[in-house]
PDB file of N, CA and C in Angstrom:
ATOM      1  N   MET A   1      63.178  93.866  77.799  1.00  0.00           N
ATOM      2  CA  MET A   1      64.052  94.740  77.327  1.00  0.00           C
ATOM      3  C   MET A   1      63.991  95.632  78.362  1.00  0.00           C
ATOM      4  N   ALA A   2      64.912  96.505  79.094  1.00  0.00           N
ATOM      5  CA  ALA A   2      65.268  97.100  79.873  1.00  0.00           C
ATOM      6  C   ALA A   2      65.026  98.900  79.223  1.00  0.00           C
ATOM      7  N   VAL A   3      64.253  99.631  79.866  1.00  0.00           N
ATOM      8  CA  VAL A   3      63.627 100.852  79.333  1.00  0.00           C
ATOM      9  C   VAL A   3      63.737 101.958  80.244  1.00  0.00           C
ATOM     10  N   PRO A   4      64.398 103.163  80.099  1.00  0.00           N
ATOM     11  CA  PRO A   4      64.570 104.022  81.176  1.00  0.00           C
ATOM     12  C   PRO A   4      63.411 104.628  81.375  1.00  0.00           C
ATOM     13  N   LYS A   5      63.087 104.941  82.690  1.00  0.00           N
ATOM     14  CA  LYS A   5      62.108 105.705  82.887  1.00  0.00           C
ATOM     15  C   LYS A   5      61.411 107.011  83.098  1.00  0.00           C
ATOM     16  N   LYS A   6      62.670 107.581  83.161  1.00  0.00           N
ATOM     17  CA  LYS A   6      62.418 109.285  82.698  1.00  0.00           C
ATOM     18  C   LYS A   6      63.614 109.367  81.755  1.00  0.00           C
ATOM     19  N   LYS A   7      63.516 110.978  80.987  1.00  0.00           N
ATOM     20  CA  LYS A   7      64.295 111.233  79.940  1.00  0.00           C
ATOM     21  C   LYS A   7      65.500 111.837  80.693  1.00  0.00           C
ATOM     22  N   THR A   8      66.789 111.224  79.958  1.00  0.00           N
ATOM     23  CA  THR A   8      68.333 111.880  80.650  1.00  0.00           C
ATOM     24  C   THR A   8      68.011 113.161  80.242  1.00  0.00           C
ATOM     25  N   SER A   9      68.236 114.121  81.132  1.00  0.00           N
ATOM     26  CA  SER A   9      68.683 115.441  80.639  1.00  0.00           C
ATOM     27  C   SER A   9      69.836 115.838  79.729  1.00  0.00           C
ATOM     28  N   LYS A  10      69.683 117.004  79.334  1.00  0.00           N
ATOM     29  CA  LYS A  10      70.883 117.128  78.225  1.00  0.00           C
ATOM     30  C   LYS A  10      72.129 117.385  79.025  1.00  0.00           C
ATOM     31  N   GLY A  11      72.031 117.955  80.349  1.00  0.00           N
ATOM     32  CA  GLY A  11      73.445 118.579  80.964  1.00  0.00           C
ATOM     33  C   GLY A  11      73.814 117.019  81.322  1.00  0.00           C
ATOM     34  N   LYS A  12      73.055 116.023  82.044  1.00  0.00           N
ATOM     35  CA  LYS A  12      73.646 114.551  82.325  1.00  0.00           C
ATOM     36  C   LYS A  12      74.430 114.091  81.357  1.00  0.00           C
ATOM     37  N   ARG A  13      73.742 113.986  79.880  1.00  0.00           N
ATOM     38  CA  ARG A  13      74.325 113.272  78.920  1.00  0.00           C
ATOM     39  C   ARG A  13      75.410 113.946  78.312  1.00  0.00           C
ATOM     40  N   ASN A  14      75.626 115.245  78.536  1.00  0.00           N
ATOM     41  CA  ASN A  14      76.850 115.966  78.083  1.00  0.00           C
ATOM     42  C   ASN A  14      77.984 115.965  78.948  1.00  0.00           C
ATOM     43  N   GLN A  15      77.451 115.748  80.606  1.00  0.00           N
ATOM     44  CA  GLN A  15      78.430 115.233  81.746  1.00  0.00           C
ATOM     45  C   GLN A  15      79.278 113.793  81.075  1.00  0.00           C
ATOM     46  N   ARG A  16      78.236 113.004  80.937  1.00  0.00           N
ATOM     47  CA  ARG A  16      78.849 111.819  80.612  1.00  0.00           C
ATOM     48  C   ARG A  16      79.514 111.569  79.278  1.00  0.00           C
ATOM     49  N   HIS A  17      79.026 112.530  78.179  1.00  0.00           N
ATOM     50  CA  HIS A  17      79.825 112.266  76.908  1.00  0.00           C
ATOM     51  C   HIS A  17      81.569 112.793  77.380  1.00  0.00           C
ATOM     52  N   ALA A  18      81.374 114.058  77.904  1.00  0.00           N
ATOM     53  CA  ALA A  18      82.626 114.895  78.242  1.00  0.00           C
ATOM     54  C   ALA A  18      83.551 113.918  79.294  1.00  0.00           C
ATOM     55  N   HIS A  19      83.237 113.043  80.282  1.00  0.00           N
ATOM     56  CA  HIS A  19      83.685 111.972  81.006  1.00  0.00           C
ATOM     57  C   HIS A  19      84.338 111.080  80.052  1.00  0.00           C
ATOM     58  N   TRP A  20      83.720 110.343  79.211  1.00  0.00           N
ATOM     59  CA  TRP A  20      84.043 109.345  78.137  1.00  0.00           C
ATOM     60  C   TRP A  20      85.295 110.202  77.319  1.00  0.00           C
ATOM     61  N   LYS A  21      84.793 111.174  76.971  1.00  0.00           N
ATOM     62  CA  LYS A  21      86.084 111.958  75.858  1.00  0.00           C
ATOM     63  C   LYS A  21      87.569 112.024  76.633  1.00  0.00           C
ATOM     64  N   ALA A  22      87.431 112.575  77.865  1.00  0.00           N
ATOM     65  CA  ALA A  22      88.498 112.670  78.862  1.00  0.00           C
ATOM     66  C   ALA A  22      89.485 111.273  79.261  1.00  0.00           C
ATOM     67  N   LYS A  23      88.735 110.264  79.411  1.00  0.00           N
ATOM     68  CA  LYS A  23      89.202 108.980  79.341  1.00  0.00           C
ATOM     69  C   LYS A  23      90.141 108.809  78.393  1.00  0.00           C
ATOM     70  N   ALA A  24      89.559 109.024  77.244  1.00  0.00           N
ATOM     71  CA  ALA A  24      90.254 108.482  75.915  1.00  0.00           C
ATOM     72  C   ALA A  24      91.696 109.508  76.011  1.00  0.00           C
ATOM     73  N   GLY A  25      91.841 110.440  76.313  1.00  0.00           N
ATOM     74  CA  GLY A  25      92.996 111.616  76.227  1.00  0.00           C
ATOM     75  C   GLY A  25      94.036 110.949  77.264  1.00  0.00           C
ATOM     76  N   ALA A  26      93.497 110.557  78.716  1.00  0.00           N
ATOM     77  CA  ALA A  26      94.386 110.028  79.432  1.00  0.00           C
ATOM     78  C   ALA A  26      94.972 108.502  79.084  1.00  0.00           C
ATOM     79  N   ALA A  27      94.125 107.895  78.499  1.00  0.00           N
ATOM     80  CA  ALA A  27      94.845 106.346  77.739  1.00  0.00           C
ATOM     81  C   ALA A  27      95.536 106.757  76.799  1.00  0.00           C
ATOM     82  N   ALA A  28      95.241 107.720  75.609  1.00  0.00           N
ATOM     83  CA  ALA A  28      96.393 107.865  74.786  1.00  0.00           C
ATOM     84  C   ALA A  28      97.549 108.612  75.523  1.00  0.00           C
ATOM     85  N   GLN A  29      97.499 109.393  76.270  1.00  0.00           N
ATOM     86  CA  GLN A  29      98.769 109.649  77.039  1.00  0.00           C
ATOM     87  C   GLN A  29      99.831 108.622  77.553  1.00  0.00           C
ATOM     88  N   ARG A  30      98.879 107.763  78.323  1.00  0.00           N
ATOM     89  CA  ARG A  30      99.558 106.370  78.958  1.00  0.00           C
ATOM     90  C   ARG A  30     100.287 105.775  77.842  1.00  0.00           C
ATOM     91  N   ALA A  31      99.268 105.497  76.725  1.00  0.00           N
ATOM     92  CA  ALA A  31     100.083 104.727  75.401  1.00  0.00           C
ATOM     93  C   ALA A  31     101.227 105.487  74.928  1.00  0.00           C
ATOM     94  N   MET A  32     101.269 106.761  74.859  1.00  0.00           N
ATOM     95  CA  MET A  32     102.470 107.365  74.289  1.00  0.00           C
ATOM     96  C   MET A  32     103.692 107.531  74.996  1.00  0.00           C
ATOM     97  N   SER A  33     103.256 107.512  76.425  1.00  0.00           N
ATOM     98  CA  SER A  33     104.512 107.365  77.352  1.00  0.00           C
ATOM     99  C   SER A  33     105.038 105.989  77.458  1.00  0.00           C
ATOM    100  N   LEU A  34     104.302 104.807  77.573  1.00  0.00           N
ATOM    101  CA  LEU A  34     104.719 103.501  77.412  1.00  0.00           C
ATOM    102  C   LEU A  34     105.498 103.531  76.203  1.00  0.00           C
ATOM    103  N   GLY A  35     105.045 103.705  74.891  1.00  0.00           N
ATOM    104  CA  GLY A  35     105.723 103.779  73.703  1.00  0.00           C
ATOM    105  C   GLY A  35     106.988 104.434  73.669  1.00  0.00           C
ATOM    106  N   LYS A  36     107.076 105.299  74.365  1.00  0.00           N
ATOM    107  CA  LYS A  36     108.596 105.985  74.180  1.00  0.00           C
ATOM    108  C   LYS A  36     109.438 105.550  75.565  1.00  0.00           C
ATOM    109  N   SER A  37     109.051 104.903  76.560  1.00  0.00           N
ATOM    110  CA  SER A  37     109.756 104.288  77.385  1.00  0.00           C
ATOM    111  C   SER A  37     110.482 102.956  76.635  1.00  0.00           C
ATOM    112  N   VAL A  38     109.639 102.127  76.101  1.00  0.00           N
ATOM    113  CA  VAL A  38     109.863 101.124  75.252  1.00  0.00           C
ATOM    114  C   VAL A  38     110.924 101.158  74.324  1.00  0.00           C
ATOM    115  N   LEU A  39     110.741 102.290  73.314  1.00  0.00           N
ATOM    116  CA  LEU A  39     111.843 102.899  72.235  1.00  0.00           C
ATOM    117  C   LEU A  39     113.073 103.207  73.025  1.00  0.00           C
ATOM    118  N   SER A  40     112.987 103.881  74.213  1.00  0.00           N
ATOM    119  CA  SER A  40     114.358 104.345  74.616  1.00  0.00           C
ATOM    120  C   SER A  40     115.119 103.122  75.309  1.00  0.00           C
ATOM    121  N   GLY A  41     114.334 102.219  75.963  1.00  0.00           N
ATOM    122  CA  GLY A  41     114.874 101.015  76.669  1.00  0.00           C
ATOM    123  C   GLY A  41     114.870 101.196  78.073  1.00  0.00           C
ATOM    124  N   ARG A  42     113.898 102.129  78.404  1.00  0.00           N
ATOM    125  CA  ARG A  42     113.715 102.514  79.966  1.00  0.00           C
ATOM    126  C   ARG A  42     112.555 101.644  80.438  1.00  0.00           C
ATOM    127  N   ALA A  43     111.907 100.751  79.793  1.00  0.00           N
ATOM    128  CA  ALA A  43     110.633 100.290  80.331  1.00  0.00           C
ATOM    129  C   ALA A  43     111.068  99.346  81.239  1.00  0.00           C
ATOM    130  N   GLN A  44     110.131  99.460  82.273  1.00  0.00           N
ATOM    131  CA  GLN A  44     110.291  98.635  83.260  1.00  0.00           C
ATOM    132  C   GLN A  44     109.002  98.159  83.790  1.00  0.00           C
ATOM    133  N   GLY A  45     108.974  96.501  83.796  1.00  0.00           N
ATOM    134  CA  GLY A  45     107.581  96.135  84.067  1.00  0.00           C
ATOM    135  C   GLY A  45     106.870  95.800  82.871  1.00  0.00           C
ATOM    136  N   PHE A  46     107.171  95.898  81.567  1.00  0.00           N
ATOM    137  CA  PHE A  46     106.761  95.717  80.296  1.00  0.00           C
ATOM    138  C   PHE A  46     107.299  94.639  79.686  1.00  0.00           C
ATOM    139  N   VAL A  47     106.841  93.370  79.320  1.00  0.00           N
ATOM    140  CA  VAL A  47     107.747  92.631  78.494  1.00  0.00           C
ATOM    141  C   VAL A  47     107.144  92.147  77.213  1.00  0.00           C
ATOM    142  N   TYR A  48     108.108  92.415  76.391  1.00  0.00           N
ATOM    143  CA  TYR A  48     107.497  92.047  75.056  1.00  0.00           C
ATOM    144  C   TYR A  48     108.397  91.412  74.288  1.00  0.00           C
ATOM    145  N   PRO A  49     107.983  90.394  73.434  1.00  0.00           N
ATOM    146  CA  PRO A  49     108.762  89.049  72.715  1.00  0.00           C
ATOM    147  C   PRO A  49     109.576  89.668  71.587  1.00  0.00           C
ATOM    148  N   ILE A  50     110.925  89.080  71.476  1.00  0.00           N
ATOM    149  CA  ILE A  50     111.796  89.587  70.730  1.00  0.00           C
ATOM    150  C   ILE A  50     111.942  88.131  69.722  1.00  0.00           C
ATOM    151  N   SER A  51     111.874  88.618  68.718  1.00  0.00           N
ATOM    152  CA  SER A  51     111.725  87.153  67.630  1.00  0.00           C
ATOM    153  C   SER A  51     113.144  86.839  67.549  1.00  0.00           C
ATOM    154  N   GLU A  52     113.532  85.553  67.063  1.00  0.00           N
ATOM    155  CA  GLU A  52     114.874  84.952  67.222  1.00  0.00           C
ATOM    156  C   GLU A  52     115.595  85.731  66.009  1.00  0.00           C
ATOM    157  N   SER A  53     115.201  86.020  64.987  1.00  0.00           N
ATOM    158  CA  SER A  53     115.437  86.625  63.678  1.00  0.00           C
ATOM    159  C   SER A  53     116.115  88.276  63.959  1.00  0.00           C
ATOM    160  N   GLU A  54     115.561  88.829  64.898  1.00  0.00           N
ATOM    161  CA  GLU A  54     116.004  90.090  65.150  1.00  0.00           C
ATOM    162  C   GLU A  54     117.247  89.750  65.968  1.00  0.00           C
ATOM    163  N   GLU A  55     117.381  89.007  67.077  1.00  0.00           N
ATOM    164  CA  GLU A  55     118.549  88.390  67.842  1.00  0.00           C
ATOM    165  C   GLU A  55     119.549  88.308  67.105  1.00  0.00           C
ATOM    166  N   SER A  56     119.432  87.350  66.036  1.00  0.00           N
ATOM    167  CA  SER A  56     120.532  87.019  64.993  1.00  0.00           C
ATOM    168  C   SER A  56     121.189  88.324  64.514  1.00  0.00           C
ATOM    169  N   GLU A  57     120.549  89.042  64.204  1.00  0.00           N
ATOM    170  CA  GLU A  57     120.766  90.172  63.313  1.00  0.00           C
ATOM    171  C   GLU A  57     121.715  91.256  64.018  1.00  0.00           C
ATOM    172  N   GLU A  58     121.425  91.273  65.347  1.00  0.00           N
ATOM    173  CA  GLU A  58     122.021  92.202  66.224  1.00  0.00           C
ATOM    174  C   GLU A  58     123.402  91.544  66.683  1.00  0.00           C
ATOM    175  N   SER A  59     123.584  90.385  66.353  1.00  0.00           N
ATOM    176  CA  SER A  59     124.785  90.038  67.209  1.00  0.00           C
ATOM    177  C   SER A  59     126.017  89.782  66.045  1.00  0.00           C
TER     178      SER A  59
END
């Protein structure tokens, strides 16, 4: 099993944790933007299936 040779400093640990948290915020922002564009009908490059029952209800 791999074992680290030296203890990681608190600063390095905190930096890694902050970067991980920042990535989550960016992913949430992209997901919200995509969701809004899908709901408004302006989504481009995003394909999602529409069931046959929904199509028949709209007609």
